[in-house]
Amino acid sequence: MGRQTGQIAMTRPIQTERLSLRPFVAADGEAVIDLLNDFEVSRWTSAIPHPFTRSDLRIVHPDGSTRWPGLIAVTREDAVIGGVSTRTHLGYWIARSHWGRGYGREAATAVVTMLFDDPSRNSLISGYFLGNEASARILTGLGFRPTGKSQQVCRAQNCVLAHCDMALTRAAWEARHA
């Protein structure tokens, strides 16, 4: 399928109609701790623990370099409201206080567009834990299609959960945006 989602470094911020996407910075730390310490957010992610504490926050090295170059801050009016990961797959989270407003889809659309700007990228992978209907709608709306089911660790719930694996091809993305 060609190169799939892999760690990328943002070369410039992305502006959407309502959001700004940019690299995380040290000043985001307190907001990130507060937002990710909500079990209703972390329970749908694989890598985020619950509770989420200061020791879990390792966004920026003291020298200013980004520890997570594949992690993108989603901001609204200069406040962090979520994040998008491109490290091994497309993943995202939005603070519960911002659910139901289309921010997840808006942010994910912008990042998918950025990833497919790389002409060598032919596909992306993502997925969701079964029961997370909001993520299922976002991914399906972007054109991702199921490729199978798997079992994945959910750190917040400290267990293995059923997961719907999905992929999006460049051809499917381009057909949706033709």
Protein backbone atom coordinates (compact mmCIF):
# COMPACT_ATOMS: atom_id res chain seq x y z
CA MET A 1 0.00 0.00 0.00
CA GLY A 2 2.98 2.31 0.01
CA ARG A 3 4.10 4.43 2.90
CA GLN A 4 1.58 4.53 5.73
CA THR A 5 1.16 6.98 8.55
CA GLY A 6 4.47 7.63 10.19
CA GLN A 7 5.98 10.25 12.40
CA ILE A 8 5.96 13.65 10.75
CA ALA A 9 7.21 16.98 11.93
CA MET A 10 4.99 19.96 11.29
CA THR A 11 6.80 22.49 9.17
CA ARG A 12 4.17 25.19 9.66
CA PRO A 13 0.97 25.64 11.68
CA ILE A 14 -2.27 24.68 9.98
CA GLN A 15 -5.24 27.03 10.12
CA THR A 16 -8.73 25.65 9.55
CA GLU A 17 -12.01 27.53 9.65
CA ARG A 18 -12.17 27.38 13.46
CA LEU A 19 -8.95 25.76 14.67
CA SER A 20 -5.20 26.15 14.66
CA LEU A 21 -2.98 23.08 14.63
CA ARG A 22 0.63 23.43 15.74
CA PRO A 23 3.34 21.56 17.62
CA PHE A 24 2.82 21.26 21.36
CA VAL A 25 4.94 23.58 23.52
CA ALA A 26 5.87 23.49 27.19
CA ALA A 27 3.28 26.17 28.02
CA ASP A 28 0.54 23.72 26.97
CA GLY A 29 1.43 21.36 29.81
CA GLU A 30 -1.12 22.38 32.46
CA ALA A 31 -4.00 22.36 29.97
CA VAL A 32 -2.96 18.97 28.61
CA ILE A 33 -2.79 17.48 32.12
CA ASP A 34 -6.24 18.85 32.93
CA LEU A 35 -7.86 17.73 29.65
CA LEU A 36 -6.30 14.25 29.54
CA ASN A 37 -7.06 13.55 33.18
CA ASP A 38 -10.70 13.11 32.12
CA PHE A 39 -11.41 9.38 31.95
CA GLU A 40 -14.10 9.93 29.31
CA VAL A 41 -11.35 11.24 26.99
CA SER A 42 -8.52 8.84 27.85
CA ARG A 43 -10.72 5.71 27.84
CA TRP A 44 -10.97 5.87 24.03
CA THR A 45 -7.22 6.14 23.43
CA SER A 46 -4.62 3.40 23.47
CA ALA A 47 -1.57 5.22 24.82
CA ILE A 48 -2.94 7.77 27.31
CA PRO A 49 -2.98 6.56 30.93
CA HIS A 50 -5.57 7.42 33.55
CA PRO A 51 -5.06 9.21 35.76
CA PHE A 52 -2.88 11.47 33.61
CA THR A 53 -0.36 13.23 35.81
CA ARG A 54 2.55 15.64 35.52
CA SER A 55 4.94 12.67 35.27
CA ASP A 56 3.04 11.50 32.16
CA LEU A 57 3.60 14.86 30.51
CA ARG A 58 6.75 14.65 28.40
CA ILE A 59 5.84 16.88 25.49
CA VAL A 60 8.95 19.04 25.32
CA HIS A 61 12.54 18.38 26.36
CA PRO A 62 14.19 21.04 28.53
CA ASP A 63 16.32 22.01 25.52
CA GLY A 64 13.15 23.01 23.68
CA SER A 65 13.12 20.17 21.19
CA THR A 66 9.86 18.37 20.70
CA ARG A 67 9.79 14.93 22.29
CA TRP A 68 6.76 13.90 20.25
CA PRO A 69 7.31 15.24 16.73
CA GLY A 70 4.29 13.27 15.52
CA LEU A 71 1.95 14.95 18.03
CA ILE A 72 0.01 18.04 17.00
CA ALA A 73 -1.85 20.43 19.31
CA VAL A 74 -5.41 21.32 18.34
CA THR A 75 -6.17 24.83 19.55
CA ARG A 76 -9.17 27.13 19.48
CA GLU A 77 -8.68 30.80 20.30
CA ASP A 78 -5.12 29.98 21.45
CA ALA A 79 -6.28 27.35 23.99
CA VAL A 80 -5.43 23.65 23.61
CA ILE A 81 -8.60 21.61 23.12
CA GLY A 82 -7.12 18.38 21.77
CA GLY A 83 -4.36 16.59 19.98
CA VAL A 84 -3.65 14.60 16.83
CA SER A 85 -0.99 11.91 16.58
CA THR A 86 0.70 10.74 13.41
CA ARG A 87 3.39 8.60 15.03
CA THR A 88 2.33 5.13 13.88
CA HIS A 89 -1.26 5.81 12.88
CA LEU A 90 -3.72 8.68 12.77
CA GLY A 91 -5.11 9.18 16.26
CA TYR A 92 -6.82 12.11 17.93
CA TRP A 93 -8.54 13.29 21.07
CA ILE A 94 -10.72 16.29 21.85
CA ALA A 95 -11.50 17.63 25.33
CA ARG A 96 -14.94 16.55 26.51
CA SER A 97 -16.04 20.18 26.92
CA HIS A 98 -15.58 20.52 23.13
CA TRP A 99 -17.32 17.32 22.00
CA GLY A 100 -20.17 17.46 19.53
CA ARG A 101 -18.96 20.54 17.65
CA GLY A 102 -17.11 18.85 14.77
CA TYR A 103 -13.63 19.80 15.99
CA GLY A 104 -12.34 16.22 15.81
CA ARG A 105 -13.36 15.88 12.19
CA GLU A 106 -12.06 19.36 11.32
CA ALA A 107 -8.65 18.66 12.89
CA ALA A 108 -8.39 15.14 11.43
CA THR A 109 -9.32 16.42 7.96
CA ALA A 110 -6.57 19.05 8.12
CA VAL A 111 -3.96 16.51 9.21
CA VAL A 112 -4.99 13.95 6.58
CA THR A 113 -4.72 16.68 3.94
CA MET A 114 -1.23 17.55 5.23
CA LEU A 115 -0.16 13.89 5.22
CA PHE A 116 -1.40 13.33 1.65
CA ASP A 117 0.50 16.44 0.55
CA ASP A 118 3.48 14.06 0.64
CA PRO A 119 3.34 12.48 -2.85
CA SER A 120 5.07 9.31 -1.63
CA ARG A 121 2.28 8.57 0.87
CA ASN A 122 -0.30 6.19 -0.55
CA SER A 123 -2.29 5.24 2.53
CA LEU A 124 -2.99 6.00 6.17
CA ILE A 125 -4.01 3.70 8.98
CA SER A 126 -6.21 4.41 11.96
CA GLY A 127 -9.01 2.80 13.91
CA TYR A 128 -11.15 3.00 17.00
CA PHE A 129 -12.13 0.98 20.04
CA LEU A 130 -15.53 -0.65 19.52
CA GLY A 131 -18.13 1.49 21.25
CA ASN A 132 -16.49 4.77 20.28
CA GLU A 133 -19.15 5.78 17.79
CA ALA A 134 -17.87 9.36 17.51
CA SER A 135 -14.50 8.17 16.18
CA ALA A 136 -16.20 5.65 13.92
CA ARG A 137 -18.22 8.50 12.35
CA ILE A 138 -15.16 10.74 11.95
CA LEU A 139 -13.04 8.07 10.30
CA THR A 140 -15.83 6.81 8.04
CA GLY A 141 -16.63 10.40 7.07
CA LEU A 142 -13.00 10.92 6.07
CA GLY A 143 -13.18 7.85 3.83
CA PHE A 144 -11.41 5.30 6.04
CA ARG A 145 -12.66 1.76 5.50
CA PRO A 146 -12.45 -1.23 7.87
CA THR A 147 -9.57 -3.61 7.24
CA GLY A 148 -10.17 -5.98 10.15
CA LYS A 149 -10.55 -6.31 13.86
CA SER A 150 -7.81 -6.59 16.45
CA GLN A 151 -7.27 -6.48 20.18
CA GLN A 152 -5.34 -3.46 21.48
CA VAL A 153 -4.20 -2.35 24.89
CA CYS A 154 -6.02 0.61 26.42
CA ARG A 155 -3.75 2.10 29.10
CA ALA A 156 -6.52 4.18 30.69
CA GLN A 157 -8.68 1.11 31.25
CA ASN A 158 -5.70 -1.17 31.90
CA CYS A 159 -7.07 -3.89 29.65
CA VAL A 160 -7.21 -5.15 26.08
CA LEU A 161 -10.19 -4.00 24.01
CA ALA A 162 -11.72 -4.89 20.66
CA HIS A 163 -10.52 -2.49 17.98
CA CYS A 164 -11.73 -1.78 14.44
CA ASP A 165 -8.68 -1.36 12.20
CA MET A 166 -9.13 1.05 9.28
CA ALA A 167 -7.22 2.40 6.30
CA LEU A 168 -7.57 5.28 3.87
CA THR A 169 -5.97 5.19 0.45
CA ARG A 170 -4.80 8.22 -1.47
CA ALA A 171 -7.18 7.27 -4.29
CA ALA A 172 -10.19 7.21 -1.95
CA TRP A 173 -9.16 10.54 -0.39
CA GLU A 174 -8.67 12.20 -3.77
CA ALA A 175 -11.99 10.83 -5.07
CA ARG A 176 -13.80 12.41 -2.08
CA HIS A 177 -12.15 15.77 -2.72
CA ALA A 178 -12.31 15.87 -6.52
